[in-house]
């Protein structure tokens, strides 16, 4: 065993450091990008851009990225949304929604 360590100690240390670094980065990346989703009911006069303004501080996306995300994940082809429509939006995991329903809730 000592002979093995003497010949491959640098490789073993390099592999252990690589594994540890990978673990640290994967944990940090996962917690940094963890998102929650809420369902918002569209009110009269709401636009995707106004909703983006309201939730800008609750997520890490720019306005354009936010609007594109909402359009993609809610199958919205145009920028137009209608009163009463329910849309799912992303928020960061450390913010708390107010008067909204979590998107995972079953709606009928």
PDB file of N, CA and C in Angstrom:
ATOM      1  N   UNK A   1       0.824  -1.188   0.000  1.00  0.00           N
ATOM      2  CA  UNK A   1       0.000   0.000   0.000  1.00  0.00           C
ATOM      3  C   UNK A   1       0.874   1.260   0.000  1.00  0.00           C
ATOM      4  N   UNK A   2       1.962   1.239   0.760  1.00  0.00           N
ATOM      5  CA  UNK A   2       2.862   2.373   0.830  1.00  0.00           C
ATOM      6  C   UNK A   2       3.531   2.615  -0.528  1.00  0.00           C
ATOM      7  N   UNK A   3       3.830   1.539  -1.225  1.00  0.00           N
ATOM      8  CA  UNK A   3       4.432   1.645  -2.549  1.00  0.00           C
ATOM      9  C   UNK A   3       3.454   2.292  -3.533  1.00  0.00           C
ATOM     10  N   UNK A   4       2.209   1.898  -3.438  1.00  0.00           N
ATOM     11  CA  UNK A   4       1.165   2.480  -4.277  1.00  0.00           C
ATOM     12  C   UNK A   4       1.017   3.979  -3.997  1.00  0.00           C
ATOM     13  N   UNK A   5       1.025   4.340  -2.723  1.00  0.00           N
ATOM     14  CA  UNK A   5       0.912   5.753  -2.339  1.00  0.00           C
ATOM     15  C   UNK A   5       2.109   6.553  -2.849  1.00  0.00           C
ATOM     16  N   UNK A   6       3.298   6.002  -2.721  1.00  0.00           N
ATOM     17  CA  UNK A   6       4.507   6.703  -3.169  1.00  0.00           C
ATOM     18  C   UNK A   6       4.498   6.957  -4.673  1.00  0.00           C
ATOM     19  N   UNK A   7       3.992   6.025  -5.429  1.00  0.00           N
ATOM     20  CA  UNK A   7       3.984   6.175  -6.889  1.00  0.00           C
ATOM     21  C   UNK A   7       2.837   7.056  -7.390  1.00  0.00           C
ATOM     22  N   UNK A   8       1.695   7.005  -6.743  1.00  0.00           N
ATOM     23  CA  UNK A   8       0.504   7.682  -7.258  1.00  0.00           C
ATOM     24  C   UNK A   8      -0.071   8.739  -6.321  1.00  0.00           C
ATOM     25  N   UNK A   9       0.687   9.215  -5.378  1.00  0.00           N
ATOM     26  CA  UNK A   9       0.160  10.164  -4.395  1.00  0.00           C
ATOM     27  C   UNK A   9      -0.343  11.456  -5.047  1.00  0.00           C
ATOM     28  N   UNK A  10       0.388  11.958  -6.019  1.00  0.00           N
ATOM     29  CA  UNK A  10      -0.056  13.193  -6.696  1.00  0.00           C
ATOM     30  C   UNK A  10      -1.369  12.973  -7.448  1.00  0.00           C
ATOM     31  N   UNK A  11      -1.496  11.861  -8.113  1.00  0.00           N
ATOM     32  CA  UNK A  11      -2.724  11.559  -8.850  1.00  0.00           C
ATOM     33  C   UNK A  11      -3.905  11.376  -7.900  1.00  0.00           C
ATOM     34  N   UNK A  12      -3.668  10.685  -6.803  1.00  0.00           N
ATOM     35  CA  UNK A  12      -4.741  10.462  -5.824  1.00  0.00           C
ATOM     36  C   UNK A  12      -5.183  11.787  -5.208  1.00  0.00           C
ATOM     37  N   UNK A  13      -4.220  12.625  -4.849  1.00  0.00           N
ATOM     38  CA  UNK A  13      -4.563  13.932  -4.277  1.00  0.00           C
ATOM     39  C   UNK A  13      -5.307  14.786  -5.303  1.00  0.00           C
ATOM     40  N   UNK A  14      -4.852  14.777  -6.550  1.00  0.00           N
ATOM     41  CA  UNK A  14      -5.516  15.544  -7.608  1.00  0.00           C
ATOM     42  C   UNK A  14      -6.958  15.068  -7.822  1.00  0.00           C
ATOM     43  N   UNK A  15      -7.164  13.776  -7.814  1.00  0.00           N
ATOM     44  CA  UNK A  15      -8.522  13.233  -7.980  1.00  0.00           C
ATOM     45  C   UNK A  15      -9.403  13.632  -6.798  1.00  0.00           C
ATOM     46  N   UNK A  16      -8.887  13.547  -5.597  1.00  0.00           N
ATOM     47  CA  UNK A  16      -9.681  13.926  -4.415  1.00  0.00           C
ATOM     48  C   UNK A  16     -10.022  15.420  -4.432  1.00  0.00           C
ATOM     49  N   UNK A  17      -9.073  16.251  -4.791  1.00  0.00           N
ATOM     50  CA  UNK A  17      -9.341  17.693  -4.875  1.00  0.00           C
ATOM     51  C   UNK A  17     -10.373  17.979  -5.954  1.00  0.00           C
ATOM     52  N   UNK A  18     -10.280  17.302  -7.078  1.00  0.00           N
ATOM     53  CA  UNK A  18     -11.255  17.489  -8.169  1.00  0.00           C
ATOM     54  C   UNK A  18     -12.658  17.085  -7.735  1.00  0.00           C
ATOM     55  N   UNK A  19     -12.767  15.963  -7.047  1.00  0.00           N
ATOM     56  CA  UNK A  19     -14.076  15.514  -6.573  1.00  0.00           C
ATOM     57  C   UNK A  19     -14.660  16.487  -5.554  1.00  0.00           C
ATOM     58  N   UNK A  20     -13.838  16.955  -4.645  1.00  0.00           N
ATOM     59  CA  UNK A  20     -14.295  17.905  -3.639  1.00  0.00           C
ATOM     60  C   UNK A  20     -14.732  19.224  -4.276  1.00  0.00           C
ATOM     61  N   UNK A  21     -13.948  19.708  -5.223  1.00  0.00           N
ATOM     62  CA  UNK A  21     -14.305  20.947  -5.929  1.00  0.00           C
ATOM     63  C   UNK A  21     -15.609  20.782  -6.703  1.00  0.00           C
ATOM     64  N   UNK A  22     -15.773  19.654  -7.362  1.00  0.00           N
ATOM     65  CA  UNK A  22     -17.012  19.392  -8.098  1.00  0.00           C
ATOM     66  C   UNK A  22     -18.214  19.365  -7.164  1.00  0.00           C
ATOM     67  N   UNK A  23     -18.058  18.760  -6.025  1.00  0.00           N
ATOM     68  CA  UNK A  23     -19.146  18.701  -5.049  1.00  0.00           C
ATOM     69  C   UNK A  23     -19.524  20.097  -4.565  1.00  0.00           C
ATOM     70  N   UNK A  24     -18.534  20.901  -4.241  1.00  0.00           N
ATOM     71  CA  UNK A  24     -18.797  22.255  -3.750  1.00  0.00           C
ATOM     72  C   UNK A  24     -19.506  23.081  -4.820  1.00  0.00           C
ATOM     73  N   UNK A  25     -19.032  23.023  -6.058  1.00  0.00           N
ATOM     74  CA  UNK A  25     -19.660  23.796  -7.126  1.00  0.00           C
ATOM     75  C   UNK A  25     -21.068  23.306  -7.432  1.00  0.00           C
ATOM     76  N   UNK A  26     -21.291  21.997  -7.390  1.00  0.00           N
ATOM     77  CA  UNK A  26     -22.637  21.498  -7.683  1.00  0.00           C
ATOM     78  C   UNK A  26     -23.626  21.918  -6.607  1.00  0.00           C
ATOM     79  N   UNK A  27     -23.210  21.925  -5.357  1.00  0.00           N
ATOM     80  CA  UNK A  27     -24.096  22.363  -4.277  1.00  0.00           C
ATOM     81  C   UNK A  27     -24.366  23.852  -4.391  1.00  0.00           C
ATOM     82  N   UNK A  28     -23.329  24.637  -4.643  1.00  0.00           N
ATOM     83  CA  UNK A  28     -23.496  26.083  -4.763  1.00  0.00           C
ATOM     84  C   UNK A  28     -24.355  26.443  -5.968  1.00  0.00           C
ATOM     85  N   UNK A  29     -24.135  25.815  -7.091  1.00  0.00           N
ATOM     86  CA  UNK A  29     -24.899  26.093  -8.295  1.00  0.00           C
ATOM     87  C   UNK A  29     -26.361  25.732  -8.106  1.00  0.00           C
ATOM     88  N   UNK A  30     -26.626  24.604  -7.473  1.00  0.00           N
ATOM     89  CA  UNK A  30     -28.001  24.158  -7.265  1.00  0.00           C
ATOM     90  C   UNK A  30     -28.760  25.107  -6.357  1.00  0.00           C
ATOM     91  N   UNK A  31     -28.186  25.557  -5.272  1.00  0.00           N
ATOM     92  CA  UNK A  31     -28.899  26.442  -4.368  1.00  0.00           C
ATOM     93  C   UNK A  31     -29.034  27.843  -4.945  1.00  0.00           C
ATOM     94  N   UNK A  32     -28.072  28.273  -5.768  1.00  0.00           N
ATOM     95  CA  UNK A  32     -28.127  29.604  -6.358  1.00  0.00           C
ATOM     96  C   UNK A  32     -29.237  29.698  -7.403  1.00  0.00           C
ATOM     97  N   UNK A  33     -29.456  28.643  -8.163  1.00  0.00           N
ATOM     98  CA  UNK A  33     -30.435  28.686  -9.252  1.00  0.00           C
ATOM     99  C   UNK A  33     -31.756  28.006  -8.912  1.00  0.00           C
ATOM    100  N   UNK A  34     -31.927  27.627  -7.669  1.00  0.00           N
ATOM    101  CA  UNK A  34     -33.176  26.992  -7.283  1.00  0.00           C
ATOM    102  C   UNK A  34     -34.309  28.016  -7.339  1.00  0.00           C
ATOM    103  N   UNK A  35     -35.361  27.665  -8.024  1.00  0.00           N
ATOM    104  CA  UNK A  35     -36.474  28.586  -8.191  1.00  0.00           C
ATOM    105  C   UNK A  35     -37.760  27.934  -7.689  1.00  0.00           C
ATOM    106  N   UNK A  36     -38.676  28.795  -7.318  1.00  0.00           N
ATOM    107  CA  UNK A  36     -40.029  28.371  -7.035  1.00  0.00           C
ATOM    108  C   UNK A  36     -40.910  29.017  -8.089  1.00  0.00           C
ATOM    109  N   UNK A  37     -42.070  28.504  -8.224  1.00  0.00           N
ATOM    110  CA  UNK A  37     -43.002  29.026  -9.213  1.00  0.00           C
ATOM    111  C   UNK A  37     -44.317  29.355  -8.527  1.00  0.00           C
ATOM    112  N   UNK A  38     -44.933  30.439  -8.945  1.00  0.00           N
ATOM    113  CA  UNK A  38     -46.245  30.799  -8.425  1.00  0.00           C
ATOM    114  C   UNK A  38     -47.181  31.010  -9.602  1.00  0.00           C
ATOM    115  N   UNK A  39     -48.446  30.822  -9.322  1.00  0.00           N
ATOM    116  CA  UNK A  39     -49.470  31.082 -10.318  1.00  0.00           C
ATOM    117  C   UNK A  39     -50.090  32.433 -10.005  1.00  0.00           C
ATOM    118  N   UNK A  40     -50.141  33.277 -11.014  1.00  0.00           N
ATOM    119  CA  UNK A  40     -50.687  34.622 -10.874  1.00  0.00           C
ATOM    120  C   UNK A  40     -51.911  34.727 -11.773  1.00  0.00           C
ATOM    121  N   UNK A  41     -52.983  35.299 -11.251  1.00  0.00           N
ATOM    122  CA  UNK A  41     -54.172  35.552 -12.056  1.00  0.00           C
ATOM    123  C   UNK A  41     -54.046  36.945 -12.661  1.00  0.00           C
ATOM    124  N   UNK A  42     -54.175  37.009 -13.971  1.00  0.00           N
ATOM    125  CA  UNK A  42     -54.010  38.270 -14.693  1.00  0.00           C
ATOM    126  C   UNK A  42     -55.200  39.178 -14.404  1.00  0.00           C
ATOM    127  N   UNK A  43     -54.910  40.426 -14.066  1.00  0.00           N
ATOM    128  CA  UNK A  43     -55.951  41.425 -13.810  1.00  0.00           C
ATOM    129  C   UNK A  43     -56.118  42.318 -15.038  1.00  0.00           C
ATOM    130  N   UNK A  44     -57.203  43.074 -15.046  1.00  0.00           N
ATOM    131  CA  UNK A  44     -57.448  44.029 -16.133  1.00  0.00           C
ATOM    132  C   UNK A  44     -56.278  45.006 -16.226  1.00  0.00           C
ATOM    133  N   UNK A  45     -55.730  45.200 -17.403  1.00  0.00           N
ATOM    134  CA  UNK A  45     -54.642  46.144 -17.623  1.00  0.00           C
ATOM    135  C   UNK A  45     -53.256  45.552 -17.427  1.00  0.00           C
ATOM    136  N   UNK A  46     -53.173  44.309 -16.958  1.00  0.00           N
ATOM    137  CA  UNK A  46     -51.864  43.677 -16.783  1.00  0.00           C
ATOM    138  C   UNK A  46     -51.251  43.315 -18.134  1.00  0.00           C
ATOM    139  N   UNK A  47     -49.950  43.444 -18.205  1.00  0.00           N
ATOM    140  CA  UNK A  47     -49.175  42.963 -19.349  1.00  0.00           C
ATOM    141  C   UNK A  47     -48.034  42.121 -18.796  1.00  0.00           C
ATOM    142  N   UNK A  48     -47.396  41.367 -19.665  1.00  0.00           N
ATOM    143  CA  UNK A  48     -46.249  40.578 -19.219  1.00  0.00           C
ATOM    144  C   UNK A  48     -45.139  41.481 -18.696  1.00  0.00           C
ATOM    145  N   UNK A  49     -45.015  42.657 -19.292  1.00  0.00           N
ATOM    146  CA  UNK A  49     -43.969  43.593 -18.881  1.00  0.00           C
ATOM    147  C   UNK A  49     -44.268  44.204 -17.514  1.00  0.00           C
ATOM    148  N   UNK A  50     -45.550  44.482 -17.219  1.00  0.00           N
ATOM    149  CA  UNK A  50     -45.909  45.000 -15.892  1.00  0.00           C
ATOM    150  C   UNK A  50     -45.697  43.937 -14.822  1.00  0.00           C
ATOM    151  N   UNK A  51     -46.046  42.701 -15.150  1.00  0.00           N
ATOM    152  CA  UNK A  51     -45.837  41.603 -14.208  1.00  0.00           C
ATOM    153  C   UNK A  51     -44.340  41.415 -13.966  1.00  0.00           C
ATOM    154  N   UNK A  52     -43.548  41.540 -15.024  1.00  0.00           N
ATOM    155  CA  UNK A  52     -42.088  41.450 -14.879  1.00  0.00           C
ATOM    156  C   UNK A  52     -41.575  42.542 -13.945  1.00  0.00           C
ATOM    157  N   UNK A  53     -42.117  43.762 -14.075  1.00  0.00           N
ATOM    158  CA  UNK A  53     -41.724  44.857 -13.180  1.00  0.00           C
ATOM    159  C   UNK A  53     -42.070  44.534 -11.726  1.00  0.00           C
ATOM    160  N   UNK A  54     -43.265  43.960 -11.505  1.00  0.00           N
ATOM    161  CA  UNK A  54     -43.719  43.645 -10.146  1.00  0.00           C
ATOM    162  C   UNK A  54     -42.850  42.587  -9.475  1.00  0.00           C
ATOM    163  N   UNK A  55     -42.326  41.629 -10.255  1.00  0.00           N
ATOM    164  CA  UNK A  55     -41.569  40.517  -9.701  1.00  0.00           C
ATOM    165  C   UNK A  55     -40.083  40.612 -10.000  1.00  0.00           C
ATOM    166  N   UNK A  56     -39.618  41.761 -10.469  1.00  0.00           N
ATOM    167  CA  UNK A  56     -38.221  41.920 -10.851  1.00  0.00           C
ATOM    168  C   UNK A  56     -37.270  41.660  -9.686  1.00  0.00           C
ATOM    169  N   UNK A  57     -37.627  42.111  -8.498  1.00  0.00           N
ATOM    170  CA  UNK A  57     -36.745  41.922  -7.346  1.00  0.00           C
ATOM    171  C   UNK A  57     -36.835  40.515  -6.771  1.00  0.00           C
ATOM    172  N   UNK A  58     -37.819  39.717  -7.191  1.00  0.00           N
ATOM    173  CA  UNK A  58     -38.012  38.372  -6.652  1.00  0.00           C
ATOM    174  C   UNK A  58     -37.372  37.286  -7.504  1.00  0.00           C
ATOM    175  N   UNK A  59     -36.616  37.656  -8.525  1.00  0.00           N
ATOM    176  CA  UNK A  59     -35.958  36.649  -9.350  1.00  0.00           C
ATOM    177  C   UNK A  59     -34.719  37.248  -9.988  1.00  0.00           C
ATOM    178  N   UNK A  60     -33.897  36.387 -10.547  1.00  0.00           N
ATOM    179  CA  UNK A  60     -32.591  36.818 -11.049  1.00  0.00           C
ATOM    180  C   UNK A  60     -32.571  37.034 -12.559  1.00  0.00           C
ATOM    181  N   UNK A  61     -33.714  37.034 -13.190  1.00  0.00           N
ATOM    182  CA  UNK A  61     -33.773  37.216 -14.636  1.00  0.00           C
ATOM    183  C   UNK A  61     -33.943  38.692 -14.985  1.00  0.00           C
ATOM    184  N   UNK A  62     -33.496  39.057 -16.176  1.00  0.00           N
ATOM    185  CA  UNK A  62     -33.785  40.399 -16.672  1.00  0.00           C
ATOM    186  C   UNK A  62     -35.242  40.433 -17.119  1.00  0.00           C
ATOM    187  N   UNK A  63     -35.753  41.621 -17.436  1.00  0.00           N
ATOM    188  CA  UNK A  63     -37.159  41.721 -17.886  1.00  0.00           C
ATOM    189  C   UNK A  63     -37.392  40.890 -19.141  1.00  0.00           C
ATOM    190  N   UNK A  64     -36.482  41.003 -20.097  1.00  0.00           N
ATOM    191  CA  UNK A  64     -36.637  40.264 -21.361  1.00  0.00           C
ATOM    192  C   UNK A  64     -36.596  38.763 -21.106  1.00  0.00           C
ATOM    193  N   UNK A  65     -35.654  38.310 -20.283  1.00  0.00           N
ATOM    194  CA  UNK A  65     -35.570  36.887 -19.963  1.00  0.00           C
ATOM    195  C   UNK A  65     -36.818  36.421 -19.221  1.00  0.00           C
ATOM    196  N   UNK A  66     -37.329  37.247 -18.302  1.00  0.00           N
ATOM    197  CA  UNK A  66     -38.539  36.908 -17.550  1.00  0.00           C
ATOM    198  C   UNK A  66     -39.726  36.733 -18.498  1.00  0.00           C
ATOM    199  N   UNK A  67     -39.936  37.712 -19.382  1.00  0.00           N
ATOM    200  CA  UNK A  67     -41.068  37.642 -20.321  1.00  0.00           C
ATOM    201  C   UNK A  67     -40.921  36.432 -21.237  1.00  0.00           C
ATOM    202  N   UNK A  68     -39.715  36.180 -21.739  1.00  0.00           N
ATOM    203  CA  UNK A  68     -39.498  35.003 -22.589  1.00  0.00           C
ATOM    204  C   UNK A  68     -39.769  33.714 -21.827  1.00  0.00           C
ATOM    205  N   UNK A  69     -39.338  33.649 -20.554  1.00  0.00           N
ATOM    206  CA  UNK A  69     -39.567  32.457 -19.742  1.00  0.00           C
ATOM    207  C   UNK A  69     -41.061  32.228 -19.561  1.00  0.00           C
ATOM    208  N   UNK A  70     -41.792  33.285 -19.210  1.00  0.00           N
ATOM    209  CA  UNK A  70     -43.240  33.165 -18.983  1.00  0.00           C
ATOM    210  C   UNK A  70     -43.944  32.726 -20.267  1.00  0.00           C
ATOM    211  N   UNK A  71     -43.571  33.323 -21.387  1.00  0.00           N
ATOM    212  CA  UNK A  71     -44.197  32.949 -22.665  1.00  0.00           C
ATOM    213  C   UNK A  71     -43.913  31.485 -23.008  1.00  0.00           C
ATOM    214  N   UNK A  72     -42.697  31.051 -22.801  1.00  0.00           N
ATOM    215  CA  UNK A  72     -42.318  29.672 -23.129  1.00  0.00           C
ATOM    216  C   UNK A  72     -43.018  28.660 -22.230  1.00  0.00           C
ATOM    217  N   UNK A  73     -43.029  28.902 -20.924  1.00  0.00           N
ATOM    218  CA  UNK A  73     -43.561  27.925 -19.983  1.00  0.00           C
ATOM    219  C   UNK A  73     -45.084  27.976 -19.829  1.00  0.00           C
ATOM    220  N   UNK A  74     -45.708  28.979 -20.421  1.00  0.00           N
ATOM    221  CA  UNK A  74     -47.175  29.067 -20.378  1.00  0.00           C
ATOM    222  C   UNK A  74     -47.790  28.946 -21.766  1.00  0.00           C
ATOM    223  N   UNK A  75     -46.984  28.550 -22.744  1.00  0.00           N
ATOM    224  CA  UNK A  75     -47.426  28.396 -24.131  1.00  0.00           C
ATOM    225  C   UNK A  75     -48.148  29.645 -24.642  1.00  0.00           C
ATOM    226  N   UNK A  76     -47.550  30.812 -24.424  1.00  0.00           N
ATOM    227  CA  UNK A  76     -48.106  32.074 -24.908  1.00  0.00           C
ATOM    228  C   UNK A  76     -47.319  32.460 -26.152  1.00  0.00           C
ATOM    229  N   UNK A  77     -48.023  32.620 -27.274  1.00  0.00           N
ATOM    230  CA  UNK A  77     -47.347  32.918 -28.533  1.00  0.00           C
ATOM    231  C   UNK A  77     -47.046  34.402 -28.702  1.00  0.00           C
ATOM    232  N   UNK A  78     -47.920  35.243 -28.213  1.00  0.00           N
ATOM    233  CA  UNK A  78     -47.760  36.688 -28.372  1.00  0.00           C
ATOM    234  C   UNK A  78     -47.550  37.316 -26.999  1.00  0.00           C
ATOM    235  N   UNK A  79     -47.376  38.636 -26.965  1.00  0.00           N
ATOM    236  CA  UNK A  79     -47.213  39.330 -25.692  1.00  0.00           C
ATOM    237  C   UNK A  79     -48.543  39.585 -24.997  1.00  0.00           C
ATOM    238  N   UNK A  80     -49.636  39.232 -25.630  1.00  0.00           N
ATOM    239  CA  UNK A  80     -50.961  39.559 -25.101  1.00  0.00           C
ATOM    240  C   UNK A  80     -51.447  38.494 -24.115  1.00  0.00           C
ATOM    241  N   UNK A  81     -51.904  38.953 -22.942  1.00  0.00           N
ATOM    242  CA  UNK A  81     -52.538  38.090 -21.956  1.00  0.00           C
ATOM    243  C   UNK A  81     -53.890  38.698 -21.614  1.00  0.00           C
ATOM    244  N   UNK A  82     -54.784  37.881 -21.056  1.00  0.00           N
ATOM    245  CA  UNK A  82     -56.157  38.313 -20.844  1.00  0.00           C
ATOM    246  C   UNK A  82     -56.535  38.244 -19.365  1.00  0.00           C
ATOM    247  N   UNK A  83     -57.416  39.148 -18.906  1.00  0.00           N
ATOM    248  CA  UNK A  83     -57.878  39.129 -17.514  1.00  0.00           C
ATOM    249  C   UNK A  83     -58.497  37.774 -17.165  1.00  0.00           C
ATOM    250  N   UNK A  84     -58.178  37.281 -15.978  1.00  0.00           N
ATOM    251  CA  UNK A  84     -58.689  35.995 -15.521  1.00  0.00           C
ATOM    252  C   UNK A  84     -57.784  34.828 -15.878  1.00  0.00           C
ATOM    253  N   UNK A  85     -56.885  35.040 -16.805  1.00  0.00           N
ATOM    254  CA  UNK A  85     -55.955  33.990 -17.210  1.00  0.00           C
ATOM    255  C   UNK A  85     -54.955  33.743 -16.074  1.00  0.00           C
ATOM    256  N   UNK A  86     -54.595  32.486 -15.853  1.00  0.00           N
ATOM    257  CA  UNK A  86     -53.621  32.142 -14.821  1.00  0.00           C
ATOM    258  C   UNK A  86     -52.312  31.784 -15.516  1.00  0.00           C
ATOM    259  N   UNK A  87     -51.231  32.438 -15.071  1.00  0.00           N
ATOM    260  CA  UNK A  87     -49.922  32.153 -15.637  1.00  0.00           C
ATOM    261  C   UNK A  87     -48.946  31.796 -14.526  1.00  0.00           C
ATOM    262  N   UNK A  88     -47.997  30.940 -14.849  1.00  0.00           N
ATOM    263  CA  UNK A  88     -46.969  30.525 -13.910  1.00  0.00           C
ATOM    264  C   UNK A  88     -45.751  31.417 -14.115  1.00  0.00           C
ATOM    265  N   UNK A  89     -45.198  31.932 -13.000  1.00  0.00           N
ATOM    266  CA  UNK A  89     -44.006  32.781 -13.082  1.00  0.00           C
ATOM    267  C   UNK A  89     -42.953  32.276 -12.106  1.00  0.00           C
ATOM    268  N   UNK A  90     -41.666  32.498 -12.417  1.00  0.00           N
ATOM    269  CA  UNK A  90     -40.598  32.070 -11.509  1.00  0.00           C
ATOM    270  C   UNK A  90     -40.307  33.130 -10.460  1.00  0.00           C
ATOM    271  N   UNK A  91     -39.995  32.676  -9.263  1.00  0.00           N
ATOM    272  CA  UNK A  91     -39.494  33.571  -8.220  1.00  0.00           C
ATOM    273  C   UNK A  91     -38.327  32.868  -7.564  1.00  0.00           C
ATOM    274  N   UNK A  92     -37.460  33.595  -6.905  1.00  0.00           N
ATOM    275  CA  UNK A  92     -36.328  32.959  -6.238  1.00  0.00           C
ATOM    276  C   UNK A  92     -36.811  32.226  -5.002  1.00  0.00           C
ATOM    277  N   UNK A  93     -36.013  31.273  -4.551  1.00  0.00           N
ATOM    278  CA  UNK A  93     -36.429  30.428  -3.431  1.00  0.00           C
ATOM    279  C   UNK A  93     -36.473  31.163  -2.102  1.00  0.00           C
ATOM    280  N   UNK A  94     -35.814  32.327  -1.994  1.00  0.00           N
ATOM    281  CA  UNK A  94     -35.807  33.027  -0.716  1.00  0.00           C
ATOM    282  C   UNK A  94     -36.874  34.105  -0.609  1.00  0.00           C
ATOM    283  N   UNK A  95     -37.679  34.307  -1.649  1.00  0.00           N
ATOM    284  CA  UNK A  95     -38.748  35.301  -1.566  1.00  0.00           C
ATOM    285  C   UNK A  95     -40.072  34.618  -1.294  1.00  0.00           C
ATOM    286  N   UNK A  96     -40.974  35.329  -0.706  1.00  0.00           N
ATOM    287  CA  UNK A  96     -42.273  34.782  -0.366  1.00  0.00           C
ATOM    288  C   UNK A  96     -43.348  35.478  -1.185  1.00  0.00           C
ATOM    289  N   UNK A  97     -44.164  34.726  -1.943  1.00  0.00           N
ATOM    290  CA  UNK A  97     -45.233  35.355  -2.707  1.00  0.00           C
ATOM    291  C   UNK A  97     -46.330  35.876  -1.784  1.00  0.00           C
ATOM    292  N   UNK A  98     -47.011  36.909  -2.246  1.00  0.00           N
ATOM    293  CA  UNK A  98     -48.119  37.450  -1.474  1.00  0.00           C
ATOM    294  C   UNK A  98     -49.400  37.306  -2.277  1.00  0.00           C
ATOM    295  N   UNK A  99     -50.417  36.732  -1.668  1.00  0.00           N
ATOM    296  CA  UNK A  99     -51.730  36.578  -2.278  1.00  0.00           C
ATOM    297  C   UNK A  99     -51.687  35.837  -3.608  1.00  0.00           C
ATOM    298  N   UNK A 100     -50.752  34.944  -3.790  1.00  0.00           N
ATOM    299  CA  UNK A 100     -50.660  34.123  -4.988  1.00  0.00           C
ATOM    300  C   UNK A 100     -50.750  32.667  -4.563  1.00  0.00           C
ATOM    301  N   UNK A 101     -51.031  31.819  -5.532  1.00  0.00           N
ATOM    302  CA  UNK A 101     -51.089  30.399  -5.256  1.00  0.00           C
ATOM    303  C   UNK A 101     -49.816  29.760  -5.781  1.00  0.00           C
ATOM    304  N   UNK A 102     -49.291  28.760  -5.073  1.00  0.00           N
ATOM    305  CA  UNK A 102     -48.154  28.052  -5.590  1.00  0.00           C
ATOM    306  C   UNK A 102     -48.579  27.275  -6.837  1.00  0.00           C
ATOM    307  N   UNK A 103     -47.715  27.234  -7.817  1.00  0.00           N
ATOM    308  CA  UNK A 103     -48.033  26.605  -9.100  1.00  0.00           C
ATOM    309  C   UNK A 103     -48.261  25.107  -8.956  1.00  0.00           C
ATOM    310  N   UNK A 104     -47.730  24.521  -7.905  1.00  0.00           N
ATOM    311  CA  UNK A 104     -47.918  23.091  -7.737  1.00  0.00           C
ATOM    312  C   UNK A 104     -49.308  22.736  -7.232  1.00  0.00           C
ATOM    313  N   UNK A 105     -50.081  23.725  -6.827  1.00  0.00           N
ATOM    314  CA  UNK A 105     -51.433  23.475  -6.344  1.00  0.00           C
ATOM    315  C   UNK A 105     -52.317  23.037  -7.499  1.00  0.00           C
ATOM    316  N   UNK A 106     -53.193  22.117  -7.223  1.00  0.00           N
ATOM    317  CA  UNK A 106     -54.095  21.620  -8.240  1.00  0.00           C
ATOM    318  C   UNK A 106     -55.248  22.587  -8.415  1.00  0.00           C
ATOM    319  N   UNK A 107     -55.455  23.008  -9.648  1.00  0.00           N
ATOM    320  CA  UNK A 107     -56.552  23.929  -9.937  1.00  0.00           C
ATOM    321  C   UNK A 107     -57.588  23.211 -10.780  1.00  0.00           C
ATOM    322  N   UNK A 108     -58.826  23.501 -10.513  1.00  0.00           N
ATOM    323  CA  UNK A 108     -59.921  22.876 -11.290  1.00  0.00           C
ATOM    324  C   UNK A 108     -60.780  23.933 -11.888  1.00  0.00           C
TER     325      UNK A 108
END
